[in-house]
Amino acid sequence: DAVQSYEKQRIISTERNYAGLVNRTMNKINATGSFRQDTVLQYYANEMLAFYKKSLEDDILPYALTLPEGELSEVQKHTLDSLYAKMTMMENKYWARFDWAEKKFYQENEIGKAE
């Protein structure tokens, strides 16, 4: 992962690309609308993506922009590791909720069942 490379420009470039991907994906999900009036999967997909957007825009990118070019100090590396760990610990909650919604969606709409 770019964060653990400890390279300022790589972190910034990669995280901006991720943020753009998250925004485009959220736009596509919202443009798709509900499926047979069911918005549960859409809701939890957007919730998960909003979590990533917030983590990138509020935590990782702002800190990365303050970093110097070149070798980082141990404190700076530790801070990056902490931000990354915070995001990965929290993402499990959002993935579990999305996974539940996805399974519910497939089951209720009998998607994937052989007829």
C-alpha atoms as a PDB file:
ATOM      1  CA  ASP A   1       0.000   0.000   0.000  1.00  0.00           C
ATOM      2  CA  ALA A   2       1.143   3.512  -0.751  1.00  0.00           C
ATOM      3  CA  VAL A   3       0.804   4.675   2.849  1.00  0.00           C
ATOM      4  CA  GLN A   4       3.280   2.093   4.034  1.00  0.00           C
ATOM      5  CA  SER A   5       5.769   3.042   1.325  1.00  0.00           C
ATOM      6  CA  TYR A   6       6.463   6.205   3.357  1.00  0.00           C
ATOM      7  CA  GLU A   7       6.959   8.119   0.096  1.00  0.00           C
ATOM      8  CA  LYS A   8       5.103  11.425   0.182  1.00  0.00           C
ATOM      9  CA  GLN A   9       4.355  11.779  -3.533  1.00  0.00           C
ATOM     10  CA  ARG A  10       3.340   8.132  -3.897  1.00  0.00           C
ATOM     11  CA  ILE A  11       0.954   8.445  -0.956  1.00  0.00           C
ATOM     12  CA  ILE A  12      -0.599  11.651  -2.283  1.00  0.00           C
ATOM     13  CA  SER A  13      -0.933  10.396  -5.839  1.00  0.00           C
ATOM     14  CA  THR A  14      -2.372   7.021  -4.870  1.00  0.00           C
ATOM     15  CA  GLU A  15      -4.771   8.381  -2.279  1.00  0.00           C
ATOM     16  CA  ARG A  16      -6.047  11.043  -4.696  1.00  0.00           C
ATOM     17  CA  ASN A  17      -6.635   8.311  -7.274  1.00  0.00           C
ATOM     18  CA  TYR A  18      -8.530   6.265  -4.678  1.00  0.00           C
ATOM     19  CA  ALA A  19     -10.590   9.301  -3.699  1.00  0.00           C
ATOM     20  CA  GLY A  20     -11.499   9.879  -7.347  1.00  0.00           C
ATOM     21  CA  LEU A  21     -12.479   6.237  -7.751  1.00  0.00           C
ATOM     22  CA  VAL A  22     -14.647   6.414  -4.630  1.00  0.00           C
ATOM     23  CA  ASN A  23     -16.403   9.551  -5.895  1.00  0.00           C
ATOM     24  CA  ARG A  24     -17.040   8.055  -9.342  1.00  0.00           C
ATOM     25  CA  THR A  25     -18.343   4.834  -7.809  1.00  0.00           C
ATOM     26  CA  MET A  26     -20.691   6.690  -5.461  1.00  0.00           C
ATOM     27  CA  ASN A  27     -22.028   8.682  -8.407  1.00  0.00           C
ATOM     28  CA  LYS A  28     -22.680   5.485 -10.367  1.00  0.00           C
ATOM     29  CA  ILE A  29     -24.433   3.830  -7.435  1.00  0.00           C
ATOM     30  CA  ASN A  30     -26.645   6.863  -6.892  1.00  0.00           C
ATOM     31  CA  ALA A  31     -27.430   7.147 -10.614  1.00  0.00           C
ATOM     32  CA  THR A  32     -28.485   3.490 -10.703  1.00  0.00           C
ATOM     33  CA  GLY A  33     -31.225   4.020  -8.137  1.00  0.00           C
ATOM     34  CA  SER A  34     -33.175   1.345  -6.335  1.00  0.00           C
ATOM     35  CA  PHE A  35     -33.844  -2.189  -7.494  1.00  0.00           C
ATOM     36  CA  ARG A  36     -37.528  -3.014  -7.151  1.00  0.00           C
ATOM     37  CA  GLN A  37     -37.786  -0.260  -4.534  1.00  0.00           C
ATOM     38  CA  ASP A  38     -35.003  -1.930  -2.491  1.00  0.00           C
ATOM     39  CA  THR A  39     -32.323   0.541  -1.417  1.00  0.00           C
ATOM     40  CA  VAL A  40     -30.635  -1.474   1.348  1.00  0.00           C
ATOM     41  CA  LEU A  41     -27.659  -2.579  -0.741  1.00  0.00           C
ATOM     42  CA  GLN A  42     -27.322   0.891  -2.219  1.00  0.00           C
ATOM     43  CA  TYR A  43     -27.374   2.419   1.265  1.00  0.00           C
ATOM     44  CA  TYR A  44     -24.636   0.173   2.665  1.00  0.00           C
ATOM     45  CA  ALA A  45     -22.493   0.491  -0.455  1.00  0.00           C
ATOM     46  CA  ASN A  46     -22.642   4.272  -0.109  1.00  0.00           C
ATOM     47  CA  GLU A  47     -21.978   4.027   3.629  1.00  0.00           C
ATOM     48  CA  MET A  48     -18.816   2.025   3.008  1.00  0.00           C
ATOM     49  CA  LEU A  49     -17.635   4.348   0.258  1.00  0.00           C
ATOM     50  CA  ALA A  50     -18.364   7.419   2.395  1.00  0.00           C
ATOM     51  CA  PHE A  51     -16.174   5.883   5.104  1.00  0.00           C
ATOM     52  CA  TYR A  52     -13.290   5.522   2.640  1.00  0.00           C
ATOM     53  CA  LYS A  53     -13.838   9.040   1.330  1.00  0.00           C
ATOM     54  CA  LYS A  54     -13.766  10.492   4.841  1.00  0.00           C
ATOM     55  CA  SER A  55     -10.685   8.469   5.813  1.00  0.00           C
ATOM     56  CA  LEU A  56      -8.818   9.624   2.730  1.00  0.00           C
ATOM     57  CA  GLU A  57      -9.918  13.251   2.713  1.00  0.00           C
ATOM     58  CA  ASP A  58      -9.906  13.914   6.462  1.00  0.00           C
ATOM     59  CA  ASP A  59      -7.023  11.781   7.715  1.00  0.00           C
ATOM     60  CA  ILE A  60      -4.510  10.403   5.244  1.00  0.00           C
ATOM     61  CA  LEU A  61      -4.281  13.101   2.554  1.00  0.00           C
ATOM     62  CA  PRO A  62      -4.088  16.102   4.901  1.00  0.00           C
ATOM     63  CA  TYR A  63      -1.308  14.463   6.899  1.00  0.00           C
ATOM     64  CA  ALA A  64       0.567  13.343   3.776  1.00  0.00           C
ATOM     65  CA  LEU A  65       0.525  16.911   2.470  1.00  0.00           C
ATOM     66  CA  THR A  66       2.407  18.065   5.586  1.00  0.00           C
ATOM     67  CA  LEU A  67       5.212  15.537   5.137  1.00  0.00           C
ATOM     68  CA  PRO A  68       8.636  16.568   3.888  1.00  0.00           C
ATOM     69  CA  GLU A  69      10.129  15.159   0.710  1.00  0.00           C
ATOM     70  CA  GLY A  70      12.654  12.403   1.258  1.00  0.00           C
ATOM     71  CA  GLU A  71      13.203  10.240   4.307  1.00  0.00           C
ATOM     72  CA  LEU A  72      10.530  10.434   6.994  1.00  0.00           C
ATOM     73  CA  SER A  73      11.238  10.425  10.700  1.00  0.00           C
ATOM     74  CA  GLU A  74      10.186   7.486  12.845  1.00  0.00           C
ATOM     75  CA  VAL A  75       7.448   9.659  14.374  1.00  0.00           C
ATOM     76  CA  GLN A  76       6.058  10.485  10.911  1.00  0.00           C
ATOM     77  CA  LYS A  77       6.159   6.811   9.909  1.00  0.00           C
ATOM     78  CA  HIS A  78       4.412   5.864  13.142  1.00  0.00           C
ATOM     79  CA  THR A  79       1.711   8.479  12.507  1.00  0.00           C
ATOM     80  CA  LEU A  80       1.130   7.118   8.996  1.00  0.00           C
ATOM     81  CA  ASP A  81       0.981   3.587  10.374  1.00  0.00           C
ATOM     82  CA  SER A  82      -1.545   4.725  12.993  1.00  0.00           C
ATOM     83  CA  LEU A  83      -3.767   6.414  10.406  1.00  0.00           C
ATOM     84  CA  TYR A  84      -3.631   3.334   8.202  1.00  0.00           C
ATOM     85  CA  ALA A  85      -4.361   1.008  11.142  1.00  0.00           C
ATOM     86  CA  LYS A  86      -7.299   3.166  12.211  1.00  0.00           C
ATOM     87  CA  MET A  87      -8.771   2.943   8.713  1.00  0.00           C
ATOM     88  CA  THR A  88      -8.258  -0.807   8.361  1.00  0.00           C
ATOM     89  CA  MET A  89      -9.751  -1.519  11.797  1.00  0.00           C
ATOM     90  CA  MET A  90     -12.823   0.547  11.012  1.00  0.00           C
ATOM     91  CA  GLU A  91     -13.275  -0.805   7.494  1.00  0.00           C
ATOM     92  CA  ASN A  92     -14.117  -4.268   8.840  1.00  0.00           C
ATOM     93  CA  LYS A  93     -17.331  -2.854  10.301  1.00  0.00           C
ATOM     94  CA  TYR A  94     -18.365  -1.333   6.978  1.00  0.00           C
ATOM     95  CA  TRP A  95     -17.423  -4.401   4.952  1.00  0.00           C
ATOM     96  CA  ALA A  96     -19.457  -6.620   7.309  1.00  0.00           C
ATOM     97  CA  ARG A  97     -22.511  -4.393   6.913  1.00  0.00           C
ATOM     98  CA  PHE A  98     -22.101  -4.269   3.123  1.00  0.00           C
ATOM     99  CA  ASP A  99     -21.603  -8.045   2.981  1.00  0.00           C
ATOM    100  CA  TRP A 100     -24.811  -8.568   4.981  1.00  0.00           C
ATOM    101  CA  ALA A 101     -26.741  -6.245   2.648  1.00  0.00           C
ATOM    102  CA  GLU A 102     -25.334  -7.942  -0.435  1.00  0.00           C
ATOM    103  CA  LYS A 103     -26.306 -11.413   0.786  1.00  0.00           C
ATOM    104  CA  LYS A 104     -29.755 -10.141   1.759  1.00  0.00           C
ATOM    105  CA  PHE A 105     -30.186  -8.575  -1.675  1.00  0.00           C
ATOM    106  CA  TYR A 106     -29.184 -11.733  -3.540  1.00  0.00           C
ATOM    107  CA  GLN A 107     -31.375 -13.916  -1.350  1.00  0.00           C
ATOM    108  CA  GLU A 108     -34.473 -11.723  -1.534  1.00  0.00           C
ATOM    109  CA  ASN A 109     -34.182 -11.298  -5.289  1.00  0.00           C
ATOM    110  CA  GLU A 110     -33.229 -14.922  -5.904  1.00  0.00           C
ATOM    111  CA  ILE A 111     -30.152 -13.881  -7.807  1.00  0.00           C
ATOM    112  CA  GLY A 112     -27.754 -16.687  -8.519  1.00  0.00           C
ATOM    113  CA  LYS A 113     -30.302 -19.471  -8.044  1.00  0.00           C
ATOM    114  CA  ALA A 114     -30.610 -22.074 -10.754  1.00  0.00           C
ATOM    115  CA  GLU A 115     -34.137 -22.502 -12.050  1.00  0.00           C
END
